[in-house]
Amino acid sequence: FIYPLVQGYDSVALKADVELGGTDQKFNLLVGRQLQEAYGQKPQVVLTMPILEGLDGVQKMSKSLGNYIGIAEPPDDMFGKLMSISDDLMWRYFELLSFRSLTDIEGLRKAMEEGRNPRDIKFELGQELVTRFHSAAEATRAQENFIARFQKGALPEDMPELSLQAGADGMPIANLLKEGGLTSSTSDAMRMIKQGAVRIDGERVSDTRLRVQPGSYVCQVGKRRFARIVVT
């Protein structure tokens, strides 16, 4: 109850004429109008926008939920994440993120219903958004890399390489993934292993207690994170 009042008072302090927000903020914005009237001000105009669902297609896109696409992410990551969304969610992204006309989008929807591969339509979405935040050349390269990696089984050419020093009995897999920059923390590494998202030299890792012995390994987390790690 306190939060809407505090947020609403911002409108009073700013003497706001217009306030923008997501549809999930509608109640708070309307509280602002009521408070303005109580303080003798003209109530603000409220404009709400639809909420963009995250990659899971359920919750709103949020960095804290890990279901987001960052506008500063590398082209390959951005393109790969866009390709990971469901076919149904793709239309929502076209509606809220694309600059294409609704007529064009409806044409794409009809083409899919008539048999066009939804992957190819998703390619168009990826091309448009990566071009917007990077360049057309980067978007084309990201698509080529995606095809090579996930349809032809090729490893990324720009895969980082690093060396890590293990103890006498090897390095815990969670530490290797964290120190290798493939996960944000050891707990994140554990979670990814339990989800079956970790591979070493193409083999899925299921043992969270695995200790990696000295050697050179191609490590993969999810579909887009790779690193060649030499354990010494």
C-alpha atoms as a PDB file:
ATOM      1  CA  PHE A   1       0.000   0.000   0.000  1.00  0.00           C
ATOM      2  CA  ILE A   2       2.863   2.401   0.799  1.00  0.00           C
ATOM      3  CA  TYR A   3       4.656   1.947  -2.537  1.00  0.00           C
ATOM      4  CA  PRO A   4       1.803   3.301  -4.735  1.00  0.00           C
ATOM      5  CA  LEU A   5       1.480   6.319  -2.427  1.00  0.00           C
ATOM      6  CA  VAL A   6       5.186   7.109  -2.531  1.00  0.00           C
ATOM      7  CA  GLN A   7       5.361   6.628  -6.300  1.00  0.00           C
ATOM      8  CA  GLY A   8       2.172   8.615  -6.758  1.00  0.00           C
ATOM      9  CA  TYR A   9       3.594  11.525  -4.758  1.00  0.00           C
ATOM     10  CA  ASP A  10       6.335  11.824  -7.385  1.00  0.00           C
ATOM     11  CA  SER A  11       3.638  13.138  -9.713  1.00  0.00           C
ATOM     12  CA  VAL A  12       2.712  15.785  -7.136  1.00  0.00           C
ATOM     13  CA  ALA A  13       6.321  16.835  -6.561  1.00  0.00           C
ATOM     14  CA  LEU A  14       7.014  17.064 -10.296  1.00  0.00           C
ATOM     15  CA  LYS A  15       3.616  18.575 -11.132  1.00  0.00           C
ATOM     16  CA  ALA A  16       3.516  16.005 -13.920  1.00  0.00           C
ATOM     17  CA  ASP A  17       1.320  16.602 -16.938  1.00  0.00           C
ATOM     18  CA  VAL A  18       1.896  13.162 -18.461  1.00  0.00           C
ATOM     19  CA  GLU A  19       3.297   9.933 -17.005  1.00  0.00           C
ATOM     20  CA  LEU A  20       4.268   6.853 -18.981  1.00  0.00           C
ATOM     21  CA  GLY A  21       4.408   3.320 -17.627  1.00  0.00           C
ATOM     22  CA  GLY A  22       3.820  -0.334 -18.312  1.00  0.00           C
ATOM     23  CA  THR A  23       0.359  -1.797 -17.940  1.00  0.00           C
ATOM     24  CA  ASP A  24       1.539  -3.341 -14.656  1.00  0.00           C
ATOM     25  CA  GLN A  25       1.952   0.193 -13.260  1.00  0.00           C
ATOM     26  CA  LYS A  26      -1.570   1.393 -14.094  1.00  0.00           C
ATOM     27  CA  PHE A  27      -2.808   1.363 -10.488  1.00  0.00           C
ATOM     28  CA  ASN A  28       0.208   3.332  -9.245  1.00  0.00           C
ATOM     29  CA  LEU A  29      -0.175   5.897 -12.017  1.00  0.00           C
ATOM     30  CA  LEU A  30      -3.844   6.394 -11.182  1.00  0.00           C
ATOM     31  CA  VAL A  31      -2.941   6.901  -7.518  1.00  0.00           C
ATOM     32  CA  GLY A  32      -0.719   9.731  -8.740  1.00  0.00           C
ATOM     33  CA  ARG A  33      -3.742  11.354 -10.396  1.00  0.00           C
ATOM     34  CA  GLN A  34      -5.756  11.143  -7.191  1.00  0.00           C
ATOM     35  CA  LEU A  35      -2.965  12.651  -5.120  1.00  0.00           C
ATOM     36  CA  GLN A  36      -2.575  15.507  -7.590  1.00  0.00           C
ATOM     37  CA  GLU A  37      -6.278  16.303  -7.279  1.00  0.00           C
ATOM     38  CA  ALA A  38      -5.972  16.190  -3.479  1.00  0.00           C
ATOM     39  CA  TYR A  39      -3.170  18.787  -3.720  1.00  0.00           C
ATOM     40  CA  GLY A  40      -5.190  21.012  -6.024  1.00  0.00           C
ATOM     41  CA  GLN A  41      -3.286  20.081  -9.176  1.00  0.00           C
ATOM     42  CA  LYS A  42      -4.654  19.095 -12.551  1.00  0.00           C
ATOM     43  CA  PRO A  43      -4.420  15.289 -12.726  1.00  0.00           C
ATOM     44  CA  GLN A  44      -1.824  13.943 -15.106  1.00  0.00           C
ATOM     45  CA  VAL A  45      -2.583  12.072 -18.297  1.00  0.00           C
ATOM     46  CA  VAL A  46      -1.639   8.401 -17.943  1.00  0.00           C
ATOM     47  CA  LEU A  47      -0.237   6.495 -20.926  1.00  0.00           C
ATOM     48  CA  THR A  48       0.460   2.784 -20.515  1.00  0.00           C
ATOM     49  CA  MET A  49       2.386   0.446 -22.778  1.00  0.00           C
ATOM     50  CA  PRO A  50       2.153  -3.355 -23.086  1.00  0.00           C
ATOM     51  CA  ILE A  51       4.643  -5.425 -21.118  1.00  0.00           C
ATOM     52  CA  LEU A  52       7.288  -7.215 -23.182  1.00  0.00           C
ATOM     53  CA  GLU A  53       7.507 -10.854 -22.156  1.00  0.00           C
ATOM     54  CA  GLY A  54      10.958 -12.315 -21.627  1.00  0.00           C
ATOM     55  CA  LEU A  55      12.544 -15.242 -23.441  1.00  0.00           C
ATOM     56  CA  ASP A  56      10.434 -17.669 -21.396  1.00  0.00           C
ATOM     57  CA  GLY A  57       7.248 -16.140 -22.803  1.00  0.00           C
ATOM     58  CA  VAL A  58       5.698 -16.020 -19.329  1.00  0.00           C
ATOM     59  CA  GLN A  59       7.206 -13.337 -17.107  1.00  0.00           C
ATOM     60  CA  LYS A  60       8.080  -9.812 -18.154  1.00  0.00           C
ATOM     61  CA  MET A  61      11.569  -9.331 -19.533  1.00  0.00           C
ATOM     62  CA  SER A  62      13.885  -8.711 -16.603  1.00  0.00           C
ATOM     63  CA  LYS A  63      17.618  -8.894 -16.016  1.00  0.00           C
ATOM     64  CA  SER A  64      17.041 -10.245 -12.519  1.00  0.00           C
ATOM     65  CA  LEU A  65      14.992 -13.116 -13.960  1.00  0.00           C
ATOM     66  CA  GLY A  66      17.636 -13.871 -16.580  1.00  0.00           C
ATOM     67  CA  ASN A  67      15.075 -13.889 -19.403  1.00  0.00           C
ATOM     68  CA  TYR A  68      16.271 -10.732 -21.127  1.00  0.00           C
ATOM     69  CA  ILE A  69      18.099  -9.581 -24.255  1.00  0.00           C
ATOM     70  CA  GLY A  70      20.493  -6.732 -23.496  1.00  0.00           C
ATOM     71  CA  ILE A  71      20.775  -4.000 -26.113  1.00  0.00           C
ATOM     72  CA  ALA A  72      24.543  -3.902 -25.554  1.00  0.00           C
ATOM     73  CA  GLU A  73      25.023  -7.655 -25.939  1.00  0.00           C
ATOM     74  CA  PRO A  74      27.275  -8.952 -28.743  1.00  0.00           C
ATOM     75  CA  PRO A  75      25.491  -9.576 -32.070  1.00  0.00           C
ATOM     76  CA  ASP A  76      25.838 -13.370 -31.817  1.00  0.00           C
ATOM     77  CA  ASP A  77      24.267 -13.442 -28.345  1.00  0.00           C
ATOM     78  CA  MET A  78      21.450 -11.110 -29.332  1.00  0.00           C
ATOM     79  CA  PHE A  79      20.665 -13.062 -32.492  1.00  0.00           C
ATOM     80  CA  GLY A  80      20.893 -16.416 -30.716  1.00  0.00           C
ATOM     81  CA  LYS A  81      18.512 -15.344 -27.967  1.00  0.00           C
ATOM     82  CA  LEU A  82      15.984 -14.103 -30.512  1.00  0.00           C
ATOM     83  CA  MET A  83      16.166 -17.438 -32.299  1.00  0.00           C
ATOM     84  CA  SER A  84      15.468 -19.239 -29.010  1.00  0.00           C
ATOM     85  CA  ILE A  85      12.002 -17.750 -28.480  1.00  0.00           C
ATOM     86  CA  SER A  86       8.897 -19.755 -29.316  1.00  0.00           C
ATOM     87  CA  ASP A  87       7.059 -19.277 -32.590  1.00  0.00           C
ATOM     88  CA  ASP A  88       4.070 -17.824 -30.724  1.00  0.00           C
ATOM     89  CA  LEU A  89       6.229 -15.341 -28.807  1.00  0.00           C
ATOM     90  CA  MET A  90       7.874 -14.288 -32.063  1.00  0.00           C
ATOM     91  CA  TRP A  91       4.697 -12.462 -33.105  1.00  0.00           C
ATOM     92  CA  ARG A  92       4.603 -10.551 -29.830  1.00  0.00           C
ATOM     93  CA  TYR A  93       8.189  -9.413 -30.451  1.00  0.00           C
ATOM     94  CA  PHE A  94       7.297  -8.356 -33.973  1.00  0.00           C
ATOM     95  CA  GLU A  95       4.361  -6.349 -32.592  1.00  0.00           C
ATOM     96  CA  LEU A  96       6.298  -4.572 -29.843  1.00  0.00           C
ATOM     97  CA  LEU A  97       9.857  -4.376 -31.206  1.00  0.00           C
ATOM     98  CA  SER A  98       9.726  -4.309 -34.987  1.00  0.00           C
ATOM     99  CA  PHE A  99       9.388  -1.128 -37.040  1.00  0.00           C
ATOM    100  CA  ARG A 100       7.566  -3.080 -39.744  1.00  0.00           C
ATOM    101  CA  SER A 101       3.956  -2.218 -40.444  1.00  0.00           C
ATOM    102  CA  LEU A 102       1.158  -4.348 -39.048  1.00  0.00           C
ATOM    103  CA  THR A 103       0.270  -5.178 -42.650  1.00  0.00           C
ATOM    104  CA  ASP A 104       3.765  -6.586 -43.236  1.00  0.00           C
ATOM    105  CA  ILE A 105       3.621  -8.576 -40.012  1.00  0.00           C
ATOM    106  CA  GLU A 106       0.227  -9.989 -40.912  1.00  0.00           C
ATOM    107  CA  GLY A 107       1.690 -10.992 -44.278  1.00  0.00           C
ATOM    108  CA  LEU A 108       4.463 -12.901 -42.502  1.00  0.00           C
ATOM    109  CA  ARG A 109       1.926 -14.613 -40.267  1.00  0.00           C
ATOM    110  CA  LYS A 110      -0.118 -15.679 -43.284  1.00  0.00           C
ATOM    111  CA  ALA A 111       3.024 -16.959 -45.021  1.00  0.00           C
ATOM    112  CA  MET A 112       3.806 -19.163 -42.015  1.00  0.00           C
ATOM    113  CA  GLU A 113       0.256 -20.504 -41.981  1.00  0.00           C
ATOM    114  CA  GLU A 114       0.713 -21.401 -45.645  1.00  0.00           C
ATOM    115  CA  GLY A 115       3.859 -23.366 -44.928  1.00  0.00           C
ATOM    116  CA  ARG A 116       6.801 -20.982 -44.690  1.00  0.00           C
ATOM    117  CA  ASN A 117       9.362 -22.133 -42.127  1.00  0.00           C
ATOM    118  CA  PRO A 118       8.930 -20.054 -38.926  1.00  0.00           C
ATOM    119  CA  ARG A 119      12.714 -20.182 -38.494  1.00  0.00           C
ATOM    120  CA  ASP A 120      13.125 -18.083 -41.636  1.00  0.00           C
ATOM    121  CA  ILE A 121      10.640 -15.511 -40.346  1.00  0.00           C
ATOM    122  CA  LYS A 122      12.508 -15.439 -37.040  1.00  0.00           C
ATOM    123  CA  PHE A 123      15.675 -14.777 -39.054  1.00  0.00           C
ATOM    124  CA  GLU A 124      14.021 -11.584 -40.322  1.00  0.00           C
ATOM    125  CA  LEU A 125      13.255 -10.481 -36.767  1.00  0.00           C
ATOM    126  CA  GLY A 126      16.824 -11.201 -35.697  1.00  0.00           C
ATOM    127  CA  GLN A 127      18.231  -9.339 -38.685  1.00  0.00           C
ATOM    128  CA  GLU A 128      16.134  -6.251 -37.963  1.00  0.00           C
ATOM    129  CA  LEU A 129      16.921  -6.012 -34.256  1.00  0.00           C
ATOM    130  CA  VAL A 130      20.637  -6.804 -34.483  1.00  0.00           C
ATOM    131  CA  THR A 131      20.946  -4.254 -37.298  1.00  0.00           C
ATOM    132  CA  ARG A 132      19.277  -1.632 -35.114  1.00  0.00           C
ATOM    133  CA  PHE A 133      21.728  -2.019 -32.229  1.00  0.00           C
ATOM    134  CA  HIS A 134      24.832  -3.006 -34.212  1.00  0.00           C
ATOM    135  CA  SER A 135      24.871  -2.951 -38.028  1.00  0.00           C
ATOM    136  CA  ALA A 136      23.525  -4.803 -41.050  1.00  0.00           C
ATOM    137  CA  ALA A 137      26.908  -6.439 -41.564  1.00  0.00           C
ATOM    138  CA  GLU A 138      27.006  -7.657 -37.954  1.00  0.00           C
ATOM    139  CA  ALA A 139      23.447  -8.982 -38.271  1.00  0.00           C
ATOM    140  CA  THR A 140      24.344 -10.962 -41.394  1.00  0.00           C
ATOM    141  CA  ARG A 141      27.451 -12.339 -39.706  1.00  0.00           C
ATOM    142  CA  ALA A 142      25.458 -13.306 -36.606  1.00  0.00           C
ATOM    143  CA  GLN A 143      22.971 -15.225 -38.736  1.00  0.00           C
ATOM    144  CA  GLU A 144      25.763 -17.014 -40.596  1.00  0.00           C
ATOM    145  CA  ASN A 145      27.424 -17.914 -37.294  1.00  0.00           C
ATOM    146  CA  PHE A 146      24.118 -19.185 -35.917  1.00  0.00           C
ATOM    147  CA  ILE A 147      23.566 -21.429 -38.931  1.00  0.00           C
ATOM    148  CA  ALA A 148      27.128 -22.746 -38.776  1.00  0.00           C
ATOM    149  CA  ARG A 149      26.952 -23.393 -35.052  1.00  0.00           C
ATOM    150  CA  PHE A 150      23.523 -24.908 -34.616  1.00  0.00           C
ATOM    151  CA  GLN A 151      22.703 -26.375 -38.003  1.00  0.00           C
ATOM    152  CA  LYS A 152      26.149 -27.489 -39.153  1.00  0.00           C
ATOM    153  CA  GLY A 153      27.667 -28.201 -35.742  1.00  0.00           C
ATOM    154  CA  ALA A 154      30.597 -25.812 -36.125  1.00  0.00           C
ATOM    155  CA  LEU A 155      32.298 -24.189 -33.152  1.00  0.00           C
ATOM    156  CA  PRO A 156      32.409 -20.373 -32.998  1.00  0.00           C
ATOM    157  CA  GLU A 157      35.526 -18.865 -34.566  1.00  0.00           C
ATOM    158  CA  ASP A 158      35.832 -16.180 -31.885  1.00  0.00           C
ATOM    159  CA  MET A 159      35.723 -18.614 -28.959  1.00  0.00           C
ATOM    160  CA  PRO A 160      37.779 -17.212 -26.056  1.00  0.00           C
ATOM    161  CA  GLU A 161      40.786 -19.208 -24.879  1.00  0.00           C
ATOM    162  CA  LEU A 162      42.227 -19.095 -21.383  1.00  0.00           C
ATOM    163  CA  SER A 163      44.318 -21.056 -18.923  1.00  0.00           C
ATOM    164  CA  LEU A 164      43.322 -21.956 -15.358  1.00  0.00           C
ATOM    165  CA  GLN A 165      45.412 -23.545 -12.640  1.00  0.00           C
ATOM    166  CA  ALA A 166      43.932 -26.492 -10.779  1.00  0.00           C
ATOM    167  CA  GLY A 167      44.814 -27.979  -7.431  1.00  0.00           C
ATOM    168  CA  ALA A 168      46.417 -31.359  -6.890  1.00  0.00           C
ATOM    169  CA  ASP A 169      43.077 -33.144  -7.319  1.00  0.00           C
ATOM    170  CA  GLY A 170      41.787 -31.078 -10.230  1.00  0.00           C
ATOM    171  CA  MET A 171      39.408 -28.125 -10.424  1.00  0.00           C
ATOM    172  CA  PRO A 172      35.737 -28.313  -9.380  1.00  0.00           C
ATOM    173  CA  ILE A 173      33.556 -28.000 -12.466  1.00  0.00           C
ATOM    174  CA  ALA A 174      31.574 -25.110 -10.958  1.00  0.00           C
ATOM    175  CA  ASN A 175      34.771 -23.148 -10.314  1.00  0.00           C
ATOM    176  CA  LEU A 176      36.020 -23.853 -13.832  1.00  0.00           C
ATOM    177  CA  LEU A 177      32.830 -22.486 -15.371  1.00  0.00           C
ATOM    178  CA  LYS A 178      32.853 -19.393 -13.164  1.00  0.00           C
ATOM    179  CA  GLU A 179      36.558 -18.630 -13.600  1.00  0.00           C
ATOM    180  CA  GLY A 180      36.215 -19.322 -17.312  1.00  0.00           C
ATOM    181  CA  GLY A 181      33.580 -16.596 -17.606  1.00  0.00           C
ATOM    182  CA  LEU A 182      30.848 -19.017 -18.660  1.00  0.00           C
ATOM    183  CA  THR A 183      28.658 -18.492 -15.594  1.00  0.00           C
ATOM    184  CA  SER A 184      28.192 -15.581 -13.228  1.00  0.00           C
ATOM    185  CA  SER A 185      28.837 -17.634 -10.085  1.00  0.00           C
ATOM    186  CA  THR A 186      29.438 -21.162  -8.853  1.00  0.00           C
ATOM    187  CA  SER A 187      25.780 -21.427  -7.843  1.00  0.00           C
ATOM    188  CA  ASP A 188      24.799 -20.394 -11.363  1.00  0.00           C
ATOM    189  CA  ALA A 189      27.165 -23.084 -12.662  1.00  0.00           C
ATOM    190  CA  MET A 190      25.511 -25.698 -10.436  1.00  0.00           C
ATOM    191  CA  ARG A 191      22.091 -24.658 -11.683  1.00  0.00           C
ATOM    192  CA  MET A 192      23.158 -24.895 -15.333  1.00  0.00           C
ATOM    193  CA  ILE A 193      24.644 -28.366 -14.763  1.00  0.00           C
ATOM    194  CA  LYS A 194      21.413 -29.572 -13.147  1.00  0.00           C
ATOM    195  CA  GLN A 195      19.493 -28.214 -16.146  1.00  0.00           C
ATOM    196  CA  GLY A 196      21.699 -30.229 -18.494  1.00  0.00           C
ATOM    197  CA  ALA A 197      23.064 -27.079 -20.120  1.00  0.00           C
ATOM    198  CA  VAL A 198      26.797 -27.778 -19.634  1.00  0.00           C
ATOM    199  CA  ARG A 199      28.992 -29.736 -22.041  1.00  0.00           C
ATOM    200  CA  ILE A 200      32.707 -30.477 -22.080  1.00  0.00           C
ATOM    201  CA  ASP A 201      34.108 -31.539 -25.446  1.00  0.00           C
ATOM    202  CA  GLY A 202      30.544 -32.137 -26.593  1.00  0.00           C
ATOM    203  CA  GLU A 203      29.606 -34.427 -23.702  1.00  0.00           C
ATOM    204  CA  ARG A 204      26.872 -33.319 -21.312  1.00  0.00           C
ATOM    205  CA  VAL A 205      28.003 -32.883 -17.698  1.00  0.00           C
ATOM    206  CA  SER A 206      25.570 -34.143 -15.048  1.00  0.00           C
ATOM    207  CA  ASP A 207      27.820 -34.489 -11.993  1.00  0.00           C
ATOM    208  CA  THR A 208      28.003 -31.222 -10.037  1.00  0.00           C
ATOM    209  CA  ARG A 209      30.918 -32.671  -8.029  1.00  0.00           C
ATOM    210  CA  LEU A 210      33.073 -33.379 -11.075  1.00  0.00           C
ATOM    211  CA  ARG A 211      36.707 -32.290 -10.744  1.00  0.00           C
ATOM    212  CA  VAL A 212      38.332 -31.435 -14.056  1.00  0.00           C
ATOM    213  CA  GLN A 213      41.858 -32.749 -14.471  1.00  0.00           C
ATOM    214  CA  PRO A 214      44.684 -31.002 -16.379  1.00  0.00           C
ATOM    215  CA  GLY A 215      44.099 -30.826 -20.118  1.00  0.00           C
ATOM    216  CA  SER A 216      42.534 -28.727 -22.874  1.00  0.00           C
ATOM    217  CA  TYR A 217      38.742 -28.621 -23.079  1.00  0.00           C
ATOM    218  CA  VAL A 218      36.033 -26.969 -25.160  1.00  0.00           C
ATOM    219  CA  CYS A 219      33.450 -25.918 -22.583  1.00  0.00           C
ATOM    220  CA  GLN A 220      29.895 -24.940 -23.469  1.00  0.00           C
ATOM    221  CA  VAL A 221      27.085 -23.507 -21.361  1.00  0.00           C
ATOM    222  CA  GLY A 222      23.704 -23.250 -23.035  1.00  0.00           C
ATOM    223  CA  LYS A 223      23.648 -22.730 -26.773  1.00  0.00           C
ATOM    224  CA  ARG A 224      25.738 -19.593 -27.038  1.00  0.00           C
ATOM    225  CA  ARG A 225      28.540 -19.587 -24.451  1.00  0.00           C
ATOM    226  CA  PHE A 226      31.773 -21.312 -25.416  1.00  0.00           C
ATOM    227  CA  ALA A 227      35.367 -21.222 -24.193  1.00  0.00           C
ATOM    228  CA  ARG A 228      38.486 -23.274 -24.780  1.00  0.00           C
ATOM    229  CA  ILE A 229      39.985 -23.756 -21.325  1.00  0.00           C
ATOM    230  CA  VAL A 230      43.394 -25.221 -20.598  1.00  0.00           C
ATOM    231  CA  VAL A 231      43.591 -26.616 -17.069  1.00  0.00           C
ATOM    232  CA  THR A 232      47.152 -26.827 -15.754  1.00  0.00           C
END
